[in-house]
Amino acid sequence: MNRRLIAVLALACAGCGAGRAPVAQPSPLSSVSADSSSAIGSEPVTSVTPARTSTSVSRPPTSTASTTAAVPPVSAQARAAGLLDVRTVVPDAIIDLRYATSHNFVGVPLYPADARCLVHQSLATGLATAAAALRRQGDLLVFWDCYRPHAVQVRMFQIMPNPDWVARPGPYARSHEAARAVDVTLARAATGTACPSDQRVQGHCLLDMGTGFDDFTPRAYAFASNGVSAPARADRTRLRLAMNAGGLAVYSGEWWHFDGPGALVGRPFLDVAVD
């Protein structure tokens, strides 16, 4: 993909994003629609690996609100829609919303700088369960995207009108647009110089999961094996198992995307701001 060209196009419409069409995968927990193609390989690794760092995914430092600070109440519109700030159920969550910065695949912000990770209350127990399981292994959940307004999804598809890579906007809210999906990865406490500065986020180090966020290659498939190291596959497995324990299913086309219960049920669009 020519990222310079995408970035230029993005500036013309002031934004974009991701959310691909489903890709078939062997897990019975997948939330895949009928419009699908084949994933690459399968990934049976279930072992737990020690913390690692990686320089394979470059990212600039980002500034986010401290997870130790009191979480301000969500707006009246968000409450009416059943949304909550994820930090109220995962207090140690690392919030690194890529679409609130220029560190996304087109290089321009799509959300305001003070955007929050809002999720539907139906995900609360599951995310708390997943975070607790990962916490026992020394990992924290990093949230890259949560609720996504419909207007943002429309702009995404305008920039990348390929349903293999970006979900075509429909007449109803599903997945991110319904606040019933999250994009997440893992991080561990960064100590000394073991973690490169460009991998640090809120005093933690991102684990090497084989690709970065919004990677439009087959290596991003949840069960990819070609080009993905065994340790990265094992960490993807640990993330999936924890999220599955909370009732969230991986989307086969993106190892970082997890749908909660009822995520693919069409619902009215939410009229809620992300900040």
C-alpha atoms as a PDB file:
ATOM      1  CA  MET A   1       0.000   0.000   0.000  1.00  0.00           C
ATOM      2  CA  ASN A   2       1.234   3.493  -0.862  1.00  0.00           C
ATOM      3  CA  ARG A   3       0.772   5.239   2.477  1.00  0.00           C
ATOM      4  CA  ARG A   4       1.886   8.651   1.115  1.00  0.00           C
ATOM      5  CA  LEU A   5      -0.903   8.501  -1.420  1.00  0.00           C
ATOM      6  CA  ILE A   6      -3.412   7.482   1.265  1.00  0.00           C
ATOM      7  CA  ALA A   7      -2.262  10.312   3.510  1.00  0.00           C
ATOM      8  CA  VAL A   8      -2.694  12.840   0.703  1.00  0.00           C
ATOM      9  CA  LEU A   9      -6.194  11.538   0.029  1.00  0.00           C
ATOM     10  CA  ALA A  10      -6.972  11.660   3.725  1.00  0.00           C
ATOM     11  CA  LEU A  11      -6.193  15.357   3.921  1.00  0.00           C
ATOM     12  CA  ALA A  12      -8.704  15.985   1.170  1.00  0.00           C
ATOM     13  CA  CYS A  13     -11.555  14.558   3.290  1.00  0.00           C
ATOM     14  CA  ALA A  14     -10.063  15.167   6.733  1.00  0.00           C
ATOM     15  CA  GLY A  15      -9.921  11.608   7.960  1.00  0.00           C
ATOM     16  CA  CYS A  16     -10.232   7.870   7.569  1.00  0.00           C
ATOM     17  CA  GLY A  17      -9.874   4.662   9.514  1.00  0.00           C
ATOM     18  CA  ALA A  18     -10.136   0.939   9.463  1.00  0.00           C
ATOM     19  CA  GLY A  19     -12.541  -1.883   9.999  1.00  0.00           C
ATOM     20  CA  ARG A  20     -12.288  -4.570   7.369  1.00  0.00           C
ATOM     21  CA  ALA A  21     -14.707  -6.988   5.832  1.00  0.00           C
ATOM     22  CA  PRO A  22     -14.668 -10.372   7.616  1.00  0.00           C
ATOM     23  CA  VAL A  23     -12.197 -13.103   6.742  1.00  0.00           C
ATOM     24  CA  ALA A  24     -13.066 -16.713   7.479  1.00  0.00           C
ATOM     25  CA  GLN A  25     -11.205 -18.335  10.360  1.00  0.00           C
ATOM     26  CA  PRO A  26     -11.275 -21.627  12.202  1.00  0.00           C
ATOM     27  CA  SER A  27     -12.462 -20.387  15.588  1.00  0.00           C
ATOM     28  CA  PRO A  28     -16.097 -21.079  16.502  1.00  0.00           C
ATOM     29  CA  LEU A  29     -16.084 -17.873  18.540  1.00  0.00           C
ATOM     30  CA  SER A  30     -15.503 -15.647  15.516  1.00  0.00           C
ATOM     31  CA  SER A  31     -18.071 -12.981  14.674  1.00  0.00           C
ATOM     32  CA  VAL A  32     -17.713 -13.316  10.904  1.00  0.00           C
ATOM     33  CA  SER A  33     -20.400 -12.309   8.432  1.00  0.00           C
ATOM     34  CA  ALA A  34     -21.281 -14.140   5.240  1.00  0.00           C
ATOM     35  CA  ASP A  35     -19.202 -11.734   3.131  1.00  0.00           C
ATOM     36  CA  SER A  36     -15.836 -13.375   3.716  1.00  0.00           C
ATOM     37  CA  SER A  37     -12.620 -14.618   2.183  1.00  0.00           C
ATOM     38  CA  SER A  38      -9.915 -16.973   3.457  1.00  0.00           C
ATOM     39  CA  ALA A  39      -7.498 -16.230   6.285  1.00  0.00           C
ATOM     40  CA  ILE A  40      -3.893 -17.329   6.109  1.00  0.00           C
ATOM     41  CA  GLY A  41      -2.837 -20.278   8.214  1.00  0.00           C
ATOM     42  CA  SER A  42      -3.977 -21.293  11.648  1.00  0.00           C
ATOM     43  CA  GLU A  43      -2.471 -20.688  15.022  1.00  0.00           C
ATOM     44  CA  PRO A  44      -2.609 -23.507  17.577  1.00  0.00           C
ATOM     45  CA  VAL A  45      -0.030 -22.042  19.973  1.00  0.00           C
ATOM     46  CA  THR A  46      -1.409 -21.750  23.501  1.00  0.00           C
ATOM     47  CA  SER A  47       1.732 -21.347  25.585  1.00  0.00           C
ATOM     48  CA  VAL A  48       2.367 -18.269  27.684  1.00  0.00           C
ATOM     49  CA  THR A  49       5.537 -16.378  26.878  1.00  0.00           C
ATOM     50  CA  PRO A  50       7.501 -13.919  28.992  1.00  0.00           C
ATOM     51  CA  ALA A  51       7.382 -10.191  28.403  1.00  0.00           C
ATOM     52  CA  ARG A  52       9.179  -8.954  25.355  1.00  0.00           C
ATOM     53  CA  THR A  53       9.785  -5.708  23.581  1.00  0.00           C
ATOM     54  CA  SER A  54       9.968  -4.962  19.907  1.00  0.00           C
ATOM     55  CA  THR A  55      11.168  -2.280  17.548  1.00  0.00           C
ATOM     56  CA  SER A  56       9.174  -3.665  14.647  1.00  0.00           C
ATOM     57  CA  VAL A  57       6.267  -1.236  15.088  1.00  0.00           C
ATOM     58  CA  SER A  58       7.252   2.408  15.207  1.00  0.00           C
ATOM     59  CA  ARG A  59       5.008   4.824  17.068  1.00  0.00           C
ATOM     60  CA  PRO A  60       5.456   8.321  18.458  1.00  0.00           C
ATOM     61  CA  PRO A  61       4.817   8.993  22.123  1.00  0.00           C
ATOM     62  CA  THR A  62       1.188   9.851  22.848  1.00  0.00           C
ATOM     63  CA  SER A  63      -0.322  11.824  25.683  1.00  0.00           C
ATOM     64  CA  THR A  64      -3.394  10.349  27.349  1.00  0.00           C
ATOM     65  CA  ALA A  65      -5.254  10.890  30.577  1.00  0.00           C
ATOM     66  CA  SER A  66      -3.894   9.058  33.598  1.00  0.00           C
ATOM     67  CA  THR A  67      -5.802   5.899  34.418  1.00  0.00           C
ATOM     68  CA  THR A  68      -5.235   6.579  38.109  1.00  0.00           C
ATOM     69  CA  ALA A  69      -7.172   9.862  38.021  1.00  0.00           C
ATOM     70  CA  ALA A  70     -10.886   9.964  38.816  1.00  0.00           C
ATOM     71  CA  VAL A  71     -12.899   9.119  35.719  1.00  0.00           C
ATOM     72  CA  PRO A  72     -15.262  11.991  34.896  1.00  0.00           C
ATOM     73  CA  PRO A  73     -18.890  11.079  34.207  1.00  0.00           C
ATOM     74  CA  VAL A  74     -19.914  10.502  30.613  1.00  0.00           C
ATOM     75  CA  SER A  75     -22.326  12.855  28.881  1.00  0.00           C
ATOM     76  CA  ALA A  76     -26.070  12.604  29.293  1.00  0.00           C
ATOM     77  CA  GLN A  77     -26.316  11.373  25.692  1.00  0.00           C
ATOM     78  CA  ALA A  78     -23.774   8.630  26.378  1.00  0.00           C
ATOM     79  CA  ARG A  79     -25.595   7.538  29.539  1.00  0.00           C
ATOM     80  CA  ALA A  80     -28.899   7.418  27.681  1.00  0.00           C
ATOM     81  CA  ALA A  81     -27.289   5.183  25.050  1.00  0.00           C
ATOM     82  CA  GLY A  82     -25.941   2.839  27.725  1.00  0.00           C
ATOM     83  CA  LEU A  83     -22.315   3.849  27.195  1.00  0.00           C
ATOM     84  CA  LEU A  84     -19.605   4.060  29.829  1.00  0.00           C
ATOM     85  CA  ASP A  85     -15.958   5.019  30.000  1.00  0.00           C
ATOM     86  CA  VAL A  86     -13.960   1.778  29.881  1.00  0.00           C
ATOM     87  CA  ARG A  87     -11.772   2.975  32.753  1.00  0.00           C
ATOM     88  CA  THR A  88     -14.720   2.561  35.109  1.00  0.00           C
ATOM     89  CA  VAL A  89     -14.567  -1.222  34.599  1.00  0.00           C
ATOM     90  CA  VAL A  90     -10.849  -1.590  33.760  1.00  0.00           C
ATOM     91  CA  PRO A  91      -9.181   0.996  36.034  1.00  0.00           C
ATOM     92  CA  ASP A  92      -5.655   0.199  34.809  1.00  0.00           C
ATOM     93  CA  ALA A  93      -6.582   0.321  31.120  1.00  0.00           C
ATOM     94  CA  ILE A  94      -4.072   2.100  28.908  1.00  0.00           C
ATOM     95  CA  ILE A  95      -5.985   4.441  26.616  1.00  0.00           C
ATOM     96  CA  ASP A  96      -4.071   5.028  23.384  1.00  0.00           C
ATOM     97  CA  LEU A  97      -6.792   6.010  20.920  1.00  0.00           C
ATOM     98  CA  ARG A  98      -4.931   6.150  17.613  1.00  0.00           C
ATOM     99  CA  TYR A  99      -7.694   8.021  15.785  1.00  0.00           C
ATOM    100  CA  ALA A 100      -7.381  10.868  18.289  1.00  0.00           C
ATOM    101  CA  THR A 101      -3.816  11.407  17.045  1.00  0.00           C
ATOM    102  CA  SER A 102      -2.033  11.478  13.707  1.00  0.00           C
ATOM    103  CA  HIS A 103      -0.599   8.030  14.438  1.00  0.00           C
ATOM    104  CA  ASN A 104      -3.035   6.121  12.272  1.00  0.00           C
ATOM    105  CA  PHE A 105      -2.778   4.801   8.754  1.00  0.00           C
ATOM    106  CA  VAL A 106      -3.516   8.157   7.070  1.00  0.00           C
ATOM    107  CA  GLY A 107      -1.655  10.410   9.454  1.00  0.00           C
ATOM    108  CA  VAL A 108      -4.517  12.733  10.480  1.00  0.00           C
ATOM    109  CA  PRO A 109      -6.734  12.762  13.614  1.00  0.00           C
ATOM    110  CA  LEU A 110     -10.309  11.559  13.259  1.00  0.00           C
ATOM    111  CA  TYR A 111     -11.388  12.136  16.872  1.00  0.00           C
ATOM    112  CA  PRO A 112     -10.868  15.164  19.122  1.00  0.00           C
ATOM    113  CA  ALA A 113      -7.714  15.063  21.211  1.00  0.00           C
ATOM    114  CA  ASP A 114      -9.718  14.469  24.401  1.00  0.00           C
ATOM    115  CA  ALA A 115     -11.668  11.520  22.980  1.00  0.00           C
ATOM    116  CA  ARG A 116     -12.610   8.786  25.442  1.00  0.00           C
ATOM    117  CA  CYS A 117     -12.873   5.035  25.107  1.00  0.00           C
ATOM    118  CA  LEU A 118     -16.627   4.559  25.316  1.00  0.00           C
ATOM    119  CA  VAL A 119     -18.159   1.082  25.263  1.00  0.00           C
ATOM    120  CA  HIS A 120     -21.667  -0.252  25.669  1.00  0.00           C
ATOM    121  CA  GLN A 121     -22.462  -1.468  29.170  1.00  0.00           C
ATOM    122  CA  SER A 122     -22.975  -5.002  27.812  1.00  0.00           C
ATOM    123  CA  LEU A 123     -19.179  -5.252  27.425  1.00  0.00           C
ATOM    124  CA  ALA A 124     -18.412  -4.177  30.995  1.00  0.00           C
ATOM    125  CA  THR A 125     -18.295  -7.551  32.725  1.00  0.00           C
ATOM    126  CA  GLY A 126     -16.478  -9.219  29.827  1.00  0.00           C
ATOM    127  CA  LEU A 127     -13.758  -6.578  29.618  1.00  0.00           C
ATOM    128  CA  ALA A 128     -13.257  -6.688  33.390  1.00  0.00           C
ATOM    129  CA  THR A 129     -12.929 -10.483  33.192  1.00  0.00           C
ATOM    130  CA  ALA A 130     -10.426 -10.307  30.337  1.00  0.00           C
ATOM    131  CA  ALA A 131      -8.369  -7.607  32.048  1.00  0.00           C
ATOM    132  CA  ALA A 132      -8.233  -9.619  35.276  1.00  0.00           C
ATOM    133  CA  ALA A 133      -6.993 -12.733  33.453  1.00  0.00           C
ATOM    134  CA  LEU A 134      -4.288 -10.762  31.655  1.00  0.00           C
ATOM    135  CA  ARG A 135      -3.328  -8.862  34.794  1.00  0.00           C
ATOM    136  CA  ARG A 136      -2.482 -12.137  36.497  1.00  0.00           C
ATOM    137  CA  GLN A 137       0.015 -12.760  33.686  1.00  0.00           C
ATOM    138  CA  GLY A 138       1.576  -9.312  34.110  1.00  0.00           C
ATOM    139  CA  ASP A 139      -0.180  -7.716  31.127  1.00  0.00           C
ATOM    140  CA  LEU A 140      -2.445  -4.703  30.753  1.00  0.00           C
ATOM    141  CA  LEU A 141      -5.009  -4.060  28.058  1.00  0.00           C
ATOM    142  CA  VAL A 142      -4.227  -1.198  25.686  1.00  0.00           C
ATOM    143  CA  PHE A 143      -7.275   0.260  23.926  1.00  0.00           C
ATOM    144  CA  TRP A 144      -6.671   1.546  20.390  1.00  0.00           C
ATOM    145  CA  ASP A 145     -10.316   2.137  19.452  1.00  0.00           C
ATOM    146  CA  CYS A 146     -13.739   1.786  21.057  1.00  0.00           C
ATOM    147  CA  TYR A 147     -17.001   3.497  20.065  1.00  0.00           C
ATOM    148  CA  ARG A 148     -16.711   4.986  16.566  1.00  0.00           C
ATOM    149  CA  PRO A 149     -19.298   7.472  15.268  1.00  0.00           C
ATOM    150  CA  HIS A 150     -20.986   6.597  11.975  1.00  0.00           C
ATOM    151  CA  ALA A 151     -19.698   9.783  10.343  1.00  0.00           C
ATOM    152  CA  VAL A 152     -16.130   8.636  10.969  1.00  0.00           C
ATOM    153  CA  GLN A 153     -16.804   5.246   9.387  1.00  0.00           C
ATOM    154  CA  VAL A 154     -18.239   7.003   6.328  1.00  0.00           C
ATOM    155  CA  ARG A 155     -15.103   9.113   5.993  1.00  0.00           C
ATOM    156  CA  MET A 156     -12.973   6.001   6.360  1.00  0.00           C
ATOM    157  CA  PHE A 157     -14.678   4.296   3.455  1.00  0.00           C
ATOM    158  CA  GLN A 158     -14.420   7.431   1.336  1.00  0.00           C
ATOM    159  CA  ILE A 159     -10.653   7.250   1.708  1.00  0.00           C
ATOM    160  CA  MET A 160     -10.279   3.480   1.389  1.00  0.00           C
ATOM    161  CA  PRO A 161     -13.345   2.278  -0.571  1.00  0.00           C
ATOM    162  CA  ASN A 162     -12.255  -1.339  -0.487  1.00  0.00           C
ATOM    163  CA  PRO A 163     -14.512  -3.563   1.663  1.00  0.00           C
ATOM    164  CA  ASP A 164     -11.656  -6.050   2.017  1.00  0.00           C
ATOM    165  CA  TRP A 165      -9.910  -3.461   4.201  1.00  0.00           C
ATOM    166  CA  VAL A 166     -12.553  -1.004   5.424  1.00  0.00           C
ATOM    167  CA  ALA A 167     -16.108  -1.967   6.349  1.00  0.00           C
ATOM    168  CA  ARG A 168     -18.673  -0.446   4.033  1.00  0.00           C
ATOM    169  CA  PRO A 169     -21.013   1.851   5.996  1.00  0.00           C
ATOM    170  CA  GLY A 170     -24.510   0.411   6.181  1.00  0.00           C
ATOM    171  CA  PRO A 171     -27.963   1.580   7.260  1.00  0.00           C
ATOM    172  CA  TYR A 172     -27.489   0.358  10.824  1.00  0.00           C
ATOM    173  CA  ALA A 173     -24.880   0.586  13.561  1.00  0.00           C
ATOM    174  CA  ARG A 174     -22.818  -2.532  14.220  1.00  0.00           C
ATOM    175  CA  SER A 175     -19.561  -3.379  15.948  1.00  0.00           C
ATOM    176  CA  HIS A 176     -17.577  -0.174  16.669  1.00  0.00           C
ATOM    177  CA  GLU A 177     -20.434   2.049  15.531  1.00  0.00           C
ATOM    178  CA  ALA A 178     -22.684   0.400  18.124  1.00  0.00           C
ATOM    179  CA  ALA A 179     -19.961   0.691  20.818  1.00  0.00           C
ATOM    180  CA  ARG A 180     -19.910  -3.105  21.050  1.00  0.00           C
ATOM    181  CA  ALA A 181     -16.387  -3.722  19.760  1.00  0.00           C
ATOM    182  CA  VAL A 182     -12.880  -2.748  20.859  1.00  0.00           C
ATOM    183  CA  ASP A 183      -9.442  -2.743  19.281  1.00  0.00           C
ATOM    184  CA  VAL A 184      -6.896  -3.821  21.886  1.00  0.00           C
ATOM    185  CA  THR A 185      -3.351  -5.014  22.388  1.00  0.00           C
ATOM    186  CA  LEU A 186      -1.082  -5.876  25.321  1.00  0.00           C
ATOM    187  CA  ALA A 187       1.590  -4.012  27.267  1.00  0.00           C
ATOM    188  CA  ARG A 188       3.827  -4.712  30.257  1.00  0.00           C
ATOM    189  CA  ALA A 189       5.664  -2.451  32.653  1.00  0.00           C
ATOM    190  CA  ALA A 190       8.699  -0.904  30.975  1.00  0.00           C
ATOM    191  CA  THR A 191      11.880  -1.110  33.023  1.00  0.00           C
ATOM    192  CA  GLY A 192      15.208   0.570  32.359  1.00  0.00           C
ATOM    193  CA  THR A 193      16.243   0.634  28.729  1.00  0.00           C
ATOM    194  CA  ALA A 194      14.647  -2.696  27.844  1.00  0.00           C
ATOM    195  CA  CYS A 195      11.831  -0.945  25.971  1.00  0.00           C
ATOM    196  CA  PRO A 196      12.604   1.465  23.110  1.00  0.00           C
ATOM    197  CA  SER A 197      11.173   4.929  23.644  1.00  0.00           C
ATOM    198  CA  ASP A 198       8.887   4.656  20.634  1.00  0.00           C
ATOM    199  CA  GLN A 199       7.255   1.543  22.131  1.00  0.00           C
ATOM    200  CA  ARG A 200       6.494   3.120  25.485  1.00  0.00           C
ATOM    201  CA  VAL A 201       3.001   4.212  26.430  1.00  0.00           C
ATOM    202  CA  GLN A 202       2.082   5.441  29.901  1.00  0.00           C
ATOM    203  CA  GLY A 203       5.123   3.803  31.494  1.00  0.00           C
ATOM    204  CA  HIS A 204       4.500   0.480  29.790  1.00  0.00           C
ATOM    205  CA  CYS A 205       5.928  -1.277  26.772  1.00  0.00           C
ATOM    206  CA  LEU A 206       3.815  -2.598  23.921  1.00  0.00           C
ATOM    207  CA  LEU A 207       4.328  -6.293  23.246  1.00  0.00           C
ATOM    208  CA  ASP A 208       5.359  -7.374  19.761  1.00  0.00           C
ATOM    209  CA  MET A 209       2.171  -8.876  18.306  1.00  0.00           C
ATOM    210  CA  GLY A 210       3.561  -9.367  14.810  1.00  0.00           C
ATOM    211  CA  THR A 211       2.092  -6.196  13.284  1.00  0.00           C
ATOM    212  CA  GLY A 212       1.030  -2.765  14.374  1.00  0.00           C
ATOM    213  CA  PHE A 213      -2.481  -1.317  14.328  1.00  0.00           C
ATOM    214  CA  ASP A 214      -4.315  -1.068  10.980  1.00  0.00           C
ATOM    215  CA  ASP A 215      -1.772  -3.221   9.199  1.00  0.00           C
ATOM    216  CA  PHE A 216      -3.291  -4.014   5.806  1.00  0.00           C
ATOM    217  CA  THR A 217      -1.400  -7.225   5.153  1.00  0.00           C
ATOM    218  CA  PRO A 218      -2.257 -10.909   5.668  1.00  0.00           C
ATOM    219  CA  ARG A 219      -0.013 -10.899   8.750  1.00  0.00           C
ATOM    220  CA  ALA A 220      -2.764  -8.955  10.532  1.00  0.00           C
ATOM    221  CA  TYR A 221      -5.200 -11.867  10.269  1.00  0.00           C
ATOM    222  CA  ALA A 222      -5.990 -13.223  13.717  1.00  0.00           C
ATOM    223  CA  PHE A 223      -4.787 -16.726  12.871  1.00  0.00           C
ATOM    224  CA  ALA A 224      -1.963 -15.786  10.497  1.00  0.00           C
ATOM    225  CA  SER A 225       1.186 -17.868  10.655  1.00  0.00           C
ATOM    226  CA  ASN A 226       3.225 -16.728   7.642  1.00  0.00           C
ATOM    227  CA  GLY A 227       5.507 -13.885   8.647  1.00  0.00           C
ATOM    228  CA  VAL A 228       4.386 -13.904  12.292  1.00  0.00           C
ATOM    229  CA  SER A 229       6.843 -15.203  14.866  1.00  0.00           C
ATOM    230  CA  ALA A 230       5.922 -17.995  17.257  1.00  0.00           C
ATOM    231  CA  PRO A 231       6.181 -15.680  20.301  1.00  0.00           C
ATOM    232  CA  ALA A 232       3.858 -13.135  18.643  1.00  0.00           C
ATOM    233  CA  ARG A 233       1.377 -15.888  17.779  1.00  0.00           C
ATOM    234  CA  ALA A 234       1.474 -17.077  21.387  1.00  0.00           C
ATOM    235  CA  ASP A 235       0.751 -13.573  22.659  1.00  0.00           C
ATOM    236  CA  ARG A 236      -2.141 -13.243  20.221  1.00  0.00           C
ATOM    237  CA  THR A 237      -3.466 -16.513  21.605  1.00  0.00           C
ATOM    238  CA  ARG A 238      -3.215 -15.280  25.188  1.00  0.00           C
ATOM    239  CA  LEU A 239      -5.084 -12.119  24.232  1.00  0.00           C
ATOM    240  CA  ARG A 240      -7.789 -14.115  22.450  1.00  0.00           C
ATOM    241  CA  LEU A 241      -8.226 -16.559  25.321  1.00  0.00           C
ATOM    242  CA  ALA A 242      -8.640 -13.753  27.832  1.00  0.00           C
ATOM    243  CA  MET A 243     -11.102 -11.882  25.655  1.00  0.00           C
ATOM    244  CA  ASN A 244     -12.990 -15.093  24.890  1.00  0.00           C
ATOM    245  CA  ALA A 245     -13.274 -15.721  28.628  1.00  0.00           C
ATOM    246  CA  GLY A 246     -15.088 -12.402  28.801  1.00  0.00           C
ATOM    247  CA  GLY A 247     -17.408 -13.312  25.942  1.00  0.00           C
ATOM    248  CA  LEU A 248     -15.688 -11.221  23.256  1.00  0.00           C
ATOM    249  CA  ALA A 249     -14.833 -12.872  19.932  1.00  0.00           C
ATOM    250  CA  VAL A 250     -11.909 -11.991  17.695  1.00  0.00           C
ATOM    251  CA  TYR A 251     -12.570 -10.709  14.187  1.00  0.00           C
ATOM    252  CA  SER A 252     -10.591 -12.992  11.913  1.00  0.00           C
ATOM    253  CA  GLY A 253      -9.244 -10.204   9.703  1.00  0.00           C
ATOM    254  CA  GLU A 254      -7.621  -8.246  12.541  1.00  0.00           C
ATOM    255  CA  TRP A 255      -5.954  -9.805  15.572  1.00  0.00           C
ATOM    256  CA  TRP A 256      -6.670  -6.662  17.634  1.00  0.00           C
ATOM    257  CA  HIS A 257     -10.440  -6.405  16.951  1.00  0.00           C
ATOM    258  CA  PHE A 258     -12.913  -8.041  19.339  1.00  0.00           C
ATOM    259  CA  ASP A 259     -16.704  -8.002  19.118  1.00  0.00           C
ATOM    260  CA  GLY A 260     -18.904  -8.198  22.180  1.00  0.00           C
ATOM    261  CA  PRO A 261     -22.289  -9.926  22.476  1.00  0.00           C
ATOM    262  CA  GLY A 262     -24.704  -8.765  19.791  1.00  0.00           C
ATOM    263  CA  ALA A 263     -22.079  -6.687  18.013  1.00  0.00           C
ATOM    264  CA  LEU A 264     -23.326  -7.638  14.542  1.00  0.00           C
ATOM    265  CA  VAL A 265     -26.997  -6.950  15.266  1.00  0.00           C
ATOM    266  CA  GLY A 266     -28.111  -3.885  13.332  1.00  0.00           C
ATOM    267  CA  ARG A 267     -29.131  -1.021  15.622  1.00  0.00           C
ATOM    268  CA  PRO A 268     -30.007   2.674  15.218  1.00  0.00           C
ATOM    269  CA  PHE A 269     -26.971   4.930  14.919  1.00  0.00           C
ATOM    270  CA  LEU A 270     -25.827   6.553  18.153  1.00  0.00           C
ATOM    271  CA  ASP A 271     -25.887  10.319  18.368  1.00  0.00           C
ATOM    272  CA  VAL A 272     -23.063  10.494  20.869  1.00  0.00           C
ATOM    273  CA  ALA A 273     -19.794  12.432  20.802  1.00  0.00           C
ATOM    274  CA  VAL A 274     -16.589  10.532  21.618  1.00  0.00           C
ATOM    275  CA  ASP A 275     -15.334  13.177  24.070  1.00  0.00           C
END
